[in-house]
């Protein structure tokens, strides 16, 4: 996880090349995986991985590297001032990619934000591996939302 983050952060051009080769050609990688494993079932985890990796490397990290991360403060100001919805941030306690302080910083900008720390989970396993629990938490948020 740390190696992948360092490649994306410090080697923007290499990460874009990897993103282009891996993610743009994801159907070929999925076909190869199906042929090697002899598993004909569609692999939604691979779909999600390629989509997330593409978006992370092409958009999120590029924006941070190019210095537009400061816009996030403005977005949080809009959420705080123009919306009245509750905000919940899920963060894995063992996340090595993003420090927990980042989630608490959101709460400092949007006081009604609730930070839910998930023990023994990292950046990915906050959702993957606990889909049912995560779905129940989302349903609880939606059921408690005011119209």
N, C-alpha and C. Protein backbone atom coordinates (compact mmCIF):
# COMPACT_ATOMS: atom_id res chain seq x y z
N UNK A 1 0.83 -1.19 0.00
CA UNK A 1 0.00 0.00 0.00
C UNK A 1 0.87 1.25 0.00
N UNK A 2 1.87 1.27 0.87
CA UNK A 2 2.76 2.42 0.94
C UNK A 2 3.55 2.60 -0.34
N UNK A 3 4.00 1.49 -0.93
CA UNK A 3 4.76 1.56 -2.18
C UNK A 3 3.89 2.15 -3.29
N UNK A 4 2.65 1.68 -3.39
CA UNK A 4 1.75 2.20 -4.41
C UNK A 4 1.50 3.69 -4.23
N UNK A 5 1.33 4.11 -2.98
CA UNK A 5 1.10 5.52 -2.71
C UNK A 5 2.32 6.35 -3.09
N UNK A 6 3.52 5.83 -2.78
CA UNK A 6 4.72 6.60 -3.12
C UNK A 6 4.90 6.69 -4.63
N UNK A 7 4.58 5.61 -5.34
CA UNK A 7 4.68 5.67 -6.81
C UNK A 7 3.72 6.72 -7.35
N UNK A 8 2.50 6.75 -6.84
CA UNK A 8 1.51 7.71 -7.33
C UNK A 8 1.88 9.13 -6.95
N UNK A 9 2.42 9.32 -5.75
CA UNK A 9 2.72 10.67 -5.30
C UNK A 9 4.01 11.23 -5.90
N UNK A 10 5.05 10.43 -5.90
CA UNK A 10 6.36 10.95 -6.27
C UNK A 10 6.72 10.74 -7.73
N UNK A 11 6.11 9.83 -8.38
CA UNK A 11 6.46 9.55 -9.76
C UNK A 11 5.21 9.66 -10.63
N UNK A 12 4.77 10.89 -10.77
CA UNK A 12 3.51 11.13 -11.47
C UNK A 12 3.50 10.53 -12.86
N UNK A 13 4.55 10.69 -13.60
CA UNK A 13 4.55 10.21 -14.97
C UNK A 13 4.57 8.69 -15.03
N UNK A 14 5.32 8.08 -14.12
CA UNK A 14 5.32 6.60 -14.07
C UNK A 14 3.94 6.11 -13.69
N UNK A 15 3.31 6.75 -12.73
CA UNK A 15 1.97 6.31 -12.32
C UNK A 15 0.96 6.49 -13.45
N UNK A 16 1.12 7.56 -14.22
CA UNK A 16 0.21 7.75 -15.36
C UNK A 16 0.41 6.67 -16.41
N UNK A 17 1.67 6.28 -16.62
CA UNK A 17 1.94 5.22 -17.57
C UNK A 17 1.34 3.90 -17.07
N UNK A 18 1.56 3.60 -15.79
CA UNK A 18 0.99 2.37 -15.22
C UNK A 18 -0.53 2.42 -15.31
N UNK A 19 -1.09 3.57 -14.99
CA UNK A 19 -2.53 3.72 -15.08
C UNK A 19 -3.01 3.50 -16.51
N UNK A 20 -2.30 4.09 -17.45
CA UNK A 20 -2.70 3.95 -18.85
C UNK A 20 -2.61 2.49 -19.29
N UNK A 21 -1.49 1.83 -18.96
CA UNK A 21 -1.31 0.44 -19.39
C UNK A 21 -2.27 -0.50 -18.67
N UNK A 22 -2.38 -0.35 -17.36
CA UNK A 22 -3.22 -1.27 -16.59
C UNK A 22 -4.70 -0.97 -16.73
N UNK A 23 -5.06 0.26 -16.46
CA UNK A 23 -6.48 0.58 -16.35
C UNK A 23 -7.17 0.76 -17.69
N UNK A 24 -6.47 1.35 -18.64
CA UNK A 24 -7.09 1.53 -19.95
C UNK A 24 -7.33 0.17 -20.60
N UNK A 25 -6.44 -0.77 -20.33
CA UNK A 25 -6.56 -2.11 -20.90
C UNK A 25 -7.11 -3.12 -19.89
N UNK A 26 -7.97 -2.65 -18.99
CA UNK A 26 -8.45 -3.52 -17.91
C UNK A 26 -9.19 -4.74 -18.43
N UNK A 27 -9.86 -4.63 -19.54
CA UNK A 27 -10.59 -5.79 -20.06
C UNK A 27 -9.62 -6.91 -20.45
N UNK A 28 -8.47 -6.55 -20.99
CA UNK A 28 -7.47 -7.57 -21.31
C UNK A 28 -6.92 -8.23 -20.06
N UNK A 29 -6.66 -7.42 -19.02
CA UNK A 29 -6.16 -7.99 -17.76
C UNK A 29 -7.20 -8.92 -17.14
N UNK A 30 -8.47 -8.51 -17.19
CA UNK A 30 -9.53 -9.35 -16.64
C UNK A 30 -9.65 -10.66 -17.43
N UNK A 31 -9.55 -10.57 -18.76
CA UNK A 31 -9.59 -11.77 -19.59
C UNK A 31 -8.43 -12.70 -19.25
N UNK A 32 -7.24 -12.13 -19.11
CA UNK A 32 -6.08 -12.95 -18.74
C UNK A 32 -6.29 -13.60 -17.38
N UNK A 33 -6.83 -12.86 -16.44
CA UNK A 33 -7.11 -13.41 -15.11
C UNK A 33 -8.10 -14.56 -15.19
N UNK A 34 -9.14 -14.39 -16.00
CA UNK A 34 -10.14 -15.44 -16.15
C UNK A 34 -9.56 -16.68 -16.82
N UNK A 35 -8.68 -16.48 -17.79
CA UNK A 35 -8.06 -17.62 -18.46
C UNK A 35 -7.10 -18.36 -17.53
N UNK A 36 -6.32 -17.61 -16.77
CA UNK A 36 -5.34 -18.23 -15.87
C UNK A 36 -6.03 -18.96 -14.73
N UNK A 37 -7.04 -18.35 -14.16
CA UNK A 37 -7.71 -18.96 -13.00
C UNK A 37 -8.86 -19.89 -13.40
N UNK A 38 -9.20 -19.87 -14.66
CA UNK A 38 -10.34 -20.64 -15.17
C UNK A 38 -11.64 -20.29 -14.45
N UNK A 39 -11.73 -19.01 -14.11
CA UNK A 39 -12.90 -18.49 -13.41
C UNK A 39 -13.63 -17.57 -14.38
N UNK A 40 -14.80 -17.98 -14.83
CA UNK A 40 -15.55 -17.20 -15.81
C UNK A 40 -16.46 -16.16 -15.21
N UNK A 41 -16.49 -16.06 -13.89
CA UNK A 41 -17.37 -15.11 -13.22
C UNK A 41 -16.77 -13.71 -13.33
N UNK A 42 -17.62 -12.74 -13.54
CA UNK A 42 -17.14 -11.36 -13.65
C UNK A 42 -16.53 -10.93 -12.32
N UNK A 43 -15.40 -10.30 -12.39
CA UNK A 43 -14.68 -9.94 -11.18
C UNK A 43 -14.91 -8.47 -10.85
N UNK A 44 -15.91 -8.22 -10.02
CA UNK A 44 -16.26 -6.85 -9.66
C UNK A 44 -15.18 -6.18 -8.83
N UNK A 45 -14.44 -6.97 -8.06
CA UNK A 45 -13.34 -6.41 -7.28
C UNK A 45 -12.28 -5.85 -8.21
N UNK A 46 -11.99 -6.55 -9.30
CA UNK A 46 -11.02 -6.05 -10.27
C UNK A 46 -11.56 -4.79 -10.96
N UNK A 47 -12.85 -4.80 -11.30
CA UNK A 47 -13.46 -3.61 -11.90
C UNK A 47 -13.28 -2.40 -10.99
N UNK A 48 -13.61 -2.59 -9.71
CA UNK A 48 -13.47 -1.51 -8.74
C UNK A 48 -12.03 -1.06 -8.57
N UNK A 49 -11.10 -2.03 -8.54
CA UNK A 49 -9.69 -1.69 -8.39
C UNK A 49 -9.21 -0.84 -9.56
N UNK A 50 -9.52 -1.28 -10.78
CA UNK A 50 -9.04 -0.54 -11.94
C UNK A 50 -9.68 0.85 -12.01
N UNK A 51 -10.97 0.95 -11.70
CA UNK A 51 -11.64 2.23 -11.74
C UNK A 51 -11.05 3.16 -10.68
N UNK A 52 -10.88 2.65 -9.46
CA UNK A 52 -10.33 3.46 -8.37
C UNK A 52 -8.89 3.88 -8.67
N UNK A 53 -8.09 2.94 -9.18
CA UNK A 53 -6.70 3.26 -9.49
C UNK A 53 -6.62 4.31 -10.58
N UNK A 54 -7.46 4.17 -11.60
CA UNK A 54 -7.46 5.14 -12.69
C UNK A 54 -7.81 6.53 -12.16
N UNK A 55 -8.91 6.59 -11.41
CA UNK A 55 -9.32 7.89 -10.89
C UNK A 55 -8.29 8.47 -9.94
N UNK A 56 -7.70 7.62 -9.10
CA UNK A 56 -6.70 8.11 -8.15
C UNK A 56 -5.48 8.66 -8.86
N UNK A 57 -4.99 7.92 -9.83
CA UNK A 57 -3.74 8.36 -10.47
C UNK A 57 -3.97 9.47 -11.48
N UNK A 58 -5.05 9.43 -12.20
CA UNK A 58 -5.27 10.42 -13.26
C UNK A 58 -5.86 11.73 -12.73
N UNK A 59 -6.62 11.66 -11.66
CA UNK A 59 -7.32 12.85 -11.20
C UNK A 59 -6.86 13.31 -9.82
N UNK A 60 -7.10 12.51 -8.82
CA UNK A 60 -6.84 12.94 -7.46
C UNK A 60 -5.38 13.31 -7.24
N UNK A 61 -4.47 12.39 -7.48
CA UNK A 61 -3.07 12.68 -7.22
C UNK A 61 -2.53 13.75 -8.18
N UNK A 62 -2.99 13.76 -9.41
CA UNK A 62 -2.57 14.80 -10.34
C UNK A 62 -2.98 16.17 -9.80
N UNK A 63 -4.20 16.28 -9.30
CA UNK A 63 -4.67 17.55 -8.76
C UNK A 63 -3.85 17.97 -7.55
N UNK A 64 -3.49 17.01 -6.71
CA UNK A 64 -2.70 17.34 -5.53
C UNK A 64 -1.31 17.79 -5.95
N UNK A 65 -0.70 17.04 -6.87
CA UNK A 65 0.65 17.38 -7.32
C UNK A 65 0.65 18.74 -8.01
N UNK A 66 -0.38 19.05 -8.74
CA UNK A 66 -0.43 20.32 -9.46
C UNK A 66 -0.86 21.48 -8.56
N UNK A 67 -1.07 21.23 -7.30
CA UNK A 67 -1.30 22.30 -6.35
C UNK A 67 -2.73 22.75 -6.19
N UNK A 68 -3.68 22.02 -6.68
CA UNK A 68 -5.07 22.47 -6.53
C UNK A 68 -5.77 21.80 -5.36
N UNK A 69 -5.01 21.17 -4.48
CA UNK A 69 -5.62 20.55 -3.31
C UNK A 69 -6.26 21.59 -2.41
N UNK A 70 -5.80 22.82 -2.52
CA UNK A 70 -6.37 23.89 -1.71
C UNK A 70 -7.83 24.14 -2.01
N UNK A 71 -8.32 23.67 -3.14
CA UNK A 71 -9.73 23.84 -3.49
C UNK A 71 -10.64 23.05 -2.55
N UNK A 72 -10.10 22.02 -1.94
CA UNK A 72 -10.91 21.18 -1.06
C UNK A 72 -11.46 22.01 0.09
N UNK A 73 -10.66 22.94 0.61
CA UNK A 73 -11.16 23.81 1.68
C UNK A 73 -12.40 24.58 1.22
N UNK A 74 -12.38 25.06 -0.01
CA UNK A 74 -13.54 25.76 -0.55
C UNK A 74 -14.75 24.85 -0.68
N UNK A 75 -14.50 23.60 -1.10
CA UNK A 75 -15.60 22.65 -1.22
C UNK A 75 -16.21 22.36 0.15
N UNK A 76 -15.35 22.21 1.15
CA UNK A 76 -15.84 21.95 2.50
C UNK A 76 -16.60 23.16 3.04
N UNK A 77 -16.16 24.37 2.67
CA UNK A 77 -16.89 25.57 3.07
C UNK A 77 -18.30 25.56 2.48
N UNK A 78 -18.42 25.14 1.23
CA UNK A 78 -19.74 25.05 0.58
C UNK A 78 -20.60 24.04 1.32
N UNK A 79 -20.03 22.88 1.65
CA UNK A 79 -20.79 21.85 2.38
C UNK A 79 -21.24 22.41 3.72
N UNK A 80 -20.37 23.13 4.40
CA UNK A 80 -20.70 23.68 5.72
C UNK A 80 -21.77 24.76 5.63
N UNK A 81 -21.66 25.67 4.64
CA UNK A 81 -22.51 26.85 4.60
C UNK A 81 -23.79 26.69 3.79
N UNK A 82 -23.76 25.87 2.74
CA UNK A 82 -24.91 25.81 1.84
C UNK A 82 -25.74 24.54 1.97
N UNK A 83 -25.22 23.55 2.69
CA UNK A 83 -25.96 22.31 2.85
C UNK A 83 -26.21 22.07 4.33
N UNK A 84 -27.28 21.36 4.62
CA UNK A 84 -27.58 21.06 6.02
C UNK A 84 -27.51 19.56 6.31
N UNK A 85 -27.07 18.80 5.34
CA UNK A 85 -27.03 17.35 5.51
C UNK A 85 -25.94 16.94 6.49
N UNK A 86 -26.15 15.79 7.11
CA UNK A 86 -25.12 15.22 7.97
C UNK A 86 -23.99 14.69 7.09
N UNK A 87 -22.80 14.69 7.63
CA UNK A 87 -21.63 14.20 6.91
C UNK A 87 -20.99 13.12 7.77
N UNK A 88 -20.73 11.97 7.18
CA UNK A 88 -20.05 10.89 7.88
C UNK A 88 -18.81 10.51 7.10
N UNK A 89 -17.69 10.44 7.80
CA UNK A 89 -16.42 10.06 7.20
C UNK A 89 -16.00 8.74 7.82
N UNK A 90 -15.79 7.72 6.99
CA UNK A 90 -15.31 6.42 7.45
C UNK A 90 -13.80 6.38 7.24
N UNK A 91 -13.09 5.96 8.28
CA UNK A 91 -11.63 5.91 8.19
C UNK A 91 -11.13 4.67 8.92
N UNK A 92 -10.29 3.90 8.25
CA UNK A 92 -9.69 2.73 8.89
C UNK A 92 -8.55 3.13 9.82
N UNK A 93 -8.55 2.58 11.01
CA UNK A 93 -7.52 2.95 11.99
C UNK A 93 -6.11 2.60 11.50
N UNK A 94 -6.00 1.52 10.71
CA UNK A 94 -4.69 1.08 10.22
C UNK A 94 -4.35 1.64 8.84
N UNK A 95 -5.05 2.67 8.40
CA UNK A 95 -4.83 3.26 7.08
C UNK A 95 -3.45 3.90 7.03
N UNK A 96 -2.60 3.39 6.15
CA UNK A 96 -1.26 3.95 5.99
C UNK A 96 -1.21 4.96 4.84
N UNK A 97 -2.26 5.01 4.04
CA UNK A 97 -2.29 5.92 2.90
C UNK A 97 -2.69 7.33 3.32
N UNK A 98 -3.73 7.43 4.14
CA UNK A 98 -4.21 8.72 4.62
C UNK A 98 -4.20 8.71 6.15
N UNK A 99 -3.56 9.68 6.76
CA UNK A 99 -3.56 9.74 8.22
C UNK A 99 -4.96 10.08 8.76
N UNK A 100 -5.25 9.61 9.94
CA UNK A 100 -6.55 9.88 10.57
C UNK A 100 -6.75 11.38 10.75
N UNK A 101 -5.67 12.11 10.90
CA UNK A 101 -5.78 13.56 11.07
C UNK A 101 -6.51 14.21 9.89
N UNK A 102 -6.41 13.63 8.70
CA UNK A 102 -7.12 14.17 7.54
C UNK A 102 -8.63 14.13 7.75
N UNK A 103 -9.11 13.05 8.33
CA UNK A 103 -10.54 12.93 8.59
C UNK A 103 -10.98 13.90 9.68
N UNK A 104 -10.16 14.05 10.72
CA UNK A 104 -10.49 15.01 11.76
C UNK A 104 -10.42 16.44 11.25
N UNK A 105 -9.58 16.69 10.26
CA UNK A 105 -9.52 18.02 9.65
C UNK A 105 -10.83 18.35 8.95
N UNK A 106 -11.46 17.34 8.36
CA UNK A 106 -12.77 17.56 7.74
C UNK A 106 -13.77 17.98 8.81
N UNK A 107 -13.72 17.30 9.95
CA UNK A 107 -14.64 17.64 11.04
C UNK A 107 -14.37 19.06 11.56
N UNK A 108 -13.12 19.50 11.52
CA UNK A 108 -12.85 20.86 11.98
C UNK A 108 -13.41 21.89 11.00
N UNK A 109 -13.50 21.54 9.71
CA UNK A 109 -14.09 22.45 8.72
C UNK A 109 -15.62 22.36 8.68
N UNK A 110 -16.15 21.16 8.89
CA UNK A 110 -17.59 20.93 8.88
C UNK A 110 -17.95 20.33 10.24
N UNK A 111 -18.30 21.18 11.22
CA UNK A 111 -18.49 20.68 12.59
C UNK A 111 -19.53 19.57 12.74
N UNK A 112 -20.51 19.51 11.86
CA UNK A 112 -21.52 18.46 11.98
C UNK A 112 -21.05 17.12 11.42
N UNK A 113 -19.84 17.09 10.86
CA UNK A 113 -19.29 15.85 10.31
C UNK A 113 -18.97 14.90 11.45
N UNK A 114 -19.29 13.64 11.23
CA UNK A 114 -19.00 12.59 12.21
C UNK A 114 -17.91 11.71 11.61
N UNK A 115 -16.84 11.51 12.35
CA UNK A 115 -15.74 10.65 11.90
C UNK A 115 -15.91 9.30 12.58
N UNK A 116 -16.09 8.27 11.76
CA UNK A 116 -16.23 6.91 12.28
C UNK A 116 -14.94 6.17 11.98
N UNK A 117 -14.20 5.86 13.02
CA UNK A 117 -12.94 5.12 12.89
C UNK A 117 -13.27 3.63 12.99
N UNK A 118 -12.83 2.87 11.99
CA UNK A 118 -13.08 1.43 11.94
C UNK A 118 -11.79 0.73 12.38
N UNK A 119 -11.86 0.05 13.50
CA UNK A 119 -10.69 -0.63 14.05
C UNK A 119 -10.24 -1.79 13.17
N UNK A 120 -8.94 -2.01 13.16
CA UNK A 120 -8.31 -3.13 12.44
C UNK A 120 -8.59 -3.13 10.94
N UNK A 121 -8.84 -1.96 10.37
CA UNK A 121 -9.08 -1.84 8.93
C UNK A 121 -8.17 -0.76 8.37
N UNK A 122 -7.84 -0.92 7.07
CA UNK A 122 -6.98 0.07 6.41
C UNK A 122 -7.76 0.79 5.33
N UNK A 123 -7.06 1.37 4.36
CA UNK A 123 -7.69 2.19 3.33
C UNK A 123 -8.70 1.39 2.50
N UNK A 124 -8.40 0.15 2.24
CA UNK A 124 -9.27 -0.68 1.39
C UNK A 124 -10.25 -1.50 2.22
N UNK A 125 -9.75 -2.11 3.30
CA UNK A 125 -10.60 -3.04 4.06
C UNK A 125 -11.64 -2.34 4.92
N UNK A 126 -11.68 -1.01 4.88
CA UNK A 126 -12.77 -0.29 5.53
C UNK A 126 -14.10 -0.70 4.90
N UNK A 127 -14.06 -1.03 3.60
CA UNK A 127 -15.26 -1.49 2.88
C UNK A 127 -15.10 -2.95 2.47
N UNK A 128 -14.00 -3.28 1.77
CA UNK A 128 -13.80 -4.63 1.25
C UNK A 128 -13.59 -5.59 2.42
N UNK A 129 -14.37 -6.64 2.43
CA UNK A 129 -14.28 -7.62 3.51
C UNK A 129 -15.31 -7.39 4.60
N UNK A 130 -15.94 -6.23 4.59
CA UNK A 130 -16.99 -5.95 5.56
C UNK A 130 -18.15 -5.22 4.87
N UNK A 131 -18.48 -5.71 3.68
CA UNK A 131 -19.50 -5.07 2.87
C UNK A 131 -20.86 -5.03 3.57
N UNK A 132 -21.23 -6.13 4.23
CA UNK A 132 -22.54 -6.16 4.89
C UNK A 132 -22.62 -5.15 6.02
N UNK A 133 -21.58 -5.07 6.84
CA UNK A 133 -21.56 -4.10 7.94
C UNK A 133 -21.56 -2.67 7.38
N UNK A 134 -20.79 -2.44 6.33
CA UNK A 134 -20.75 -1.12 5.71
C UNK A 134 -22.12 -0.75 5.13
N UNK A 135 -22.78 -1.71 4.48
CA UNK A 135 -24.11 -1.46 3.93
C UNK A 135 -25.10 -1.12 5.04
N UNK A 136 -25.02 -1.83 6.16
CA UNK A 136 -25.91 -1.52 7.29
C UNK A 136 -25.64 -0.10 7.82
N UNK A 137 -24.37 0.28 7.89
CA UNK A 137 -24.03 1.63 8.35
C UNK A 137 -24.58 2.69 7.40
N UNK A 138 -24.47 2.44 6.10
CA UNK A 138 -25.03 3.38 5.12
C UNK A 138 -26.55 3.45 5.23
N UNK A 139 -27.20 2.30 5.39
CA UNK A 139 -28.66 2.30 5.55
C UNK A 139 -29.07 3.09 6.79
N UNK A 140 -28.31 2.96 7.86
CA UNK A 140 -28.61 3.71 9.09
C UNK A 140 -28.48 5.21 8.84
N UNK A 141 -27.45 5.59 8.10
CA UNK A 141 -27.28 7.02 7.78
C UNK A 141 -28.46 7.52 6.94
N UNK A 142 -28.83 6.74 5.93
CA UNK A 142 -29.93 7.16 5.05
C UNK A 142 -31.27 7.18 5.79
N UNK A 143 -31.48 6.19 6.67
CA UNK A 143 -32.74 6.16 7.43
C UNK A 143 -32.85 7.31 8.40
N UNK A 144 -31.73 7.79 8.93
CA UNK A 144 -31.75 8.90 9.88
C UNK A 144 -31.67 10.27 9.20
N UNK A 145 -31.52 10.30 7.90
CA UNK A 145 -31.42 11.56 7.17
C UNK A 145 -32.77 12.25 7.16
N UNK A 146 -32.73 13.55 7.31
CA UNK A 146 -33.97 14.34 7.24
C UNK A 146 -34.13 14.85 5.82
N UNK A 147 -35.33 14.89 5.37
CA UNK A 147 -35.62 15.33 4.00
C UNK A 147 -35.62 16.82 3.90
